[in-house]
Each structure stands twice: as structure tokens, then as C-alpha cells.
Amino acid sequence: MNGQLHRKLVEEFSDIPTIIDSDGMITYVSPSVTRTLGYEPEELIGEVGYEYQHPDNRDAVAEAIEYIQKNPDEVQIIETRFRHADGSWCWIEATLQNRFDDPDIDGILVNSRDISQRKQQEQEYQELAKEYKTLLENVEDSIFFLNIEAEDTEYVFRFERLNRAYEEQTGITTKEVRGKTPTDVFGEDLGAELDANYRRCVQANEAISYEEELPIEPGARFWQTFLTPVITNGEVTQIIGITRNITERVKQERQLRSQKEQLDEFASVVSHDLRNPLNVAQGRGELLANDCDSEHFPPIVKSLDRMEEIISDTLTLARQGQVVSDPEPIALVNVVGTCWKNVRTDEATIEIEDEVTIVGDRSRLQHLFENLFRNAVEHGGADVTVRVGQIDDHGIHVEDTGPGIPEDDHEAVFEPGHTSSSGGTGFGLTIVKRIAEAHGWQVTVVDGTDGGARFEFTDVDLDQ
């Protein structure tokens, strides 16, 4: 019974017990070789195993056999490629034992198992590791890895690794921080803030992002950080952090905020401190003109009115450049019609070529179109024709049949104070550009279909 059981185990066991002599010739091989390698046992008995080994592995096999014979009490384990019956190669893990003293074996016992799947996985892992290493070494964002030690409800975070970009941007190396906590690296105060963010990521059990101030060195102070938890068996065991130096962006935002505050202050001064005494001067000038007949009063009144016009355009210019935060769908035909009625157009004609809907701020768009219409009538004459239409899927145009704008002035017309009219403030087209940019549009001036001026607005959000 024991002999039958032993035979059954040998035949059905997935491993392949094999016996070879000192020259590597196969004297016995288990029937399990058929399932694994496709050979019948009698095909291999009497064959030299080297001939079935991959040429690159034969030396290692020969060395293992030689070592076993010289060191009979030791075991050798090698990995080698063995030729399958169909001609393909499969990976075999072989355990070699010297059993020449065993009269039932009298040779080297080789126990082999197919590890092709494991080797394929190892190769895939190696390729992934290579890609991972390449990514870490070449990505511009700073990446750091944190290991997490859980102690009841408390967590201890320790740095494991930093990528090249992190080391270059911060001056901190993996060697300096590996195994250390945020407090060890950045001190009590900053370390506590970092710990709080890492803990928030663990407790949320999902990725989080935030901006933080981390004054590592003068050129890198503000960071946009993304944390992603690595979950193993339902527990967060590691955090992968990606952080980007946004110091320059923060500085620019603060500078813009400061400029806006100064602009608002300027607008307030212009609106109240200048306009109030100007209105008093205008009123007194009109009263004085009624009491006295002098040729000097009309120029004075005209100059005061001119000052009021400049103040009004200056305020508009200061306020219209702010980014549109609450746009709404507006029918082009409606806003154009309203603006055309608000402008003194004499005998001029308006043509709306396309019925589309613009997404924007109605009040500001009215300023834009009124300035363009006023400009067209002023330079194109009382009978000018103005056309408004669509450009492709993301643009609109406003063109007239006037004399046009010289090509050399196509950029200059948007500059503050540029005017070709003795009575203009030079702010009209500057306001048009500011309003367009506040909507995220681009504006250019080109020659119109009939030689007039054509203003083209692109990157327009059209609700079609």
C-alpha cells in the first residue's frame, strides 16, 4: 500500500523528480514531466540534460552539478530555461541534492518545477520598475513617499524617498530624510502642519490637494500639494505626495491683488474727489455764462465737459478689465439692437448677419459694442454700414464700411490715449480690448470686406 501511494504521489505531483548521473545523463524522470514539459519519460531517459538547457544557462547548471558532487551535504537551487517538447522555452527552478550514497537513487536528485509564470511576472515588474524609475527621475514635479505607522488612533509619518526633482528644488536629499518624521525634518511648527495634512488624507481615505507655505529656501516658498493614499487590505499604509513650486504664481497673484486695490483706490479718487469739484465748476460756469457775455466762457465750458468725458472713460477703463465671474447667455441680436439705439448713429445702418448667443456679462458687452459703433460712425461717416456676425464656432466680428485703419496702427489703436480724432479721449478701443480680455477673448483688427475696419473676437463662448 505504501509503495502504491508513493508511486501515485510521484506520478501526480506537479513537480518533476529527476535523477542524473555525474555526467548529467538522465537515468530517471517522473511521469509528471509529460504534463509540464510535454515529453514522455522514455524520451528523456538516457539523454544528457545539458542539451535541453538554454545555452545561456548551461554553465550555471554545470557549476551546480560540480558543486554538489564536491559538497554532498549541501543543496543547490538554480533557475534555468528548459526546452519544451514543442520547441519553446520555459523557466524551471531546480533543487539539486547529492544522493549517490542512497542505493535506491545513486545519483543527483533534481526536483524541478515550472516557474515560467513567476518569471513573466518578475519581468513585468522589472519593466514597471524601470518605467517607474524613469518617471520619477524625469518628471518635473516634486514627488515624495511617506510610510505610515499606525498606533491606535495616532499615525506616525516617515519619509521613505524623494525624487530627483524634489531634491533639486528643495536641496533636501532622500538620504537626509529617509526614516525621519516631518517634525524631524522641518521642525516643530512646520512639522505639525504637515502632519495635520497627512492625517487628513488618511482619515479621508482619498486624494486631497491644498496650497501650503513651506519656506525651504528663498526661491521656493509656496507649494501646491496633492496627496494620494496607498491602501493595502483596507488600510492606508503609504502616502504618495506630488508638490509643485507655485511661489512665482503666488507672488504674481499678490501683486495683481495689490494693483487692483490701487486701481480701485484710484477709481474712487477720480469718481468722487475729482468729479465733485468738476460738477461744481460746470454748474458755476453755466450760471456765470448767463450773467456775463464773454467769448471766454464757451471754451471753458467745453473744456470742463471734456474733463468729465475723460473721467468717465477713465473709470470705465479701470473697472472693465476685471475678469467676468458670472457670465450669462445673451442673444447677439438683442444686445446689438440695444447698443445701436443708445448711440447717435445718424443715417448709419446696422446689419446682423448671424443669430447666435454669446455667453458673457451683459453690461460690459454693451460698453464694448457701443464703443465700436460710436467709433465706426465717428470715423466712417453718417451713412456708414456696420455688420456684426459669427466667425467659425468660437468667434464674432464687427466691421464697417468706413475708411479703415492703416495696417501700421492695427496694434496701436488699442493703446490708451491713441486717437485719430481731435475730440476723442483715446480710451474707446482700449476699453473694448479690456472687456474682451476680461471675458477670456482675443481681439484683433484687420481690413474689412469693403476696406473698412474689422474687429475680430476669438475664443468666444457661443451658446449654440
Foldseek 3Di string as FASTA:
>chain_A
DVVVVVLVCQQPPCKKKWFAALQQQTQFIHCSCCVVQNDGGVVRHRPRQLVFWDPVCSVVVNVLSVVCVVVQVDKDWDWTWGQGPVGDTFIKIWIWHADCVPPVRNGIIIIIHTCRVVVVVVVVVVVVVVVVLVCLAPDQWKKWKWFWDDDPLDIFIFTAAIGPNNCVVQVDHNVNGGRHQLCVVQNDPVSVVVRVVVSVCQVVQAKDWDKDADCSDPVAGIKIKIWGFDADPRHGGMIMMTIDGCPVVVVVVVVVVVVLVVLVVVLVCLVPVVVVVLVVVLVVLVVVVVVDPDPPSVVVNVVSVLSVVLSVLSNLLSPLLAAFDDWDKAWPVVLLVVLVVVEPQQQAEEAEDDTWIFTGDSVLVSLLNNLVSNVCCVQAHNHKYWYWYADPQFKIKIWILRQADPPVCFPVLLDFQDDPDPSDRSRSNVSNQSNLVSHVWHWTWDQDPNRHIMIMIGRTDIDD
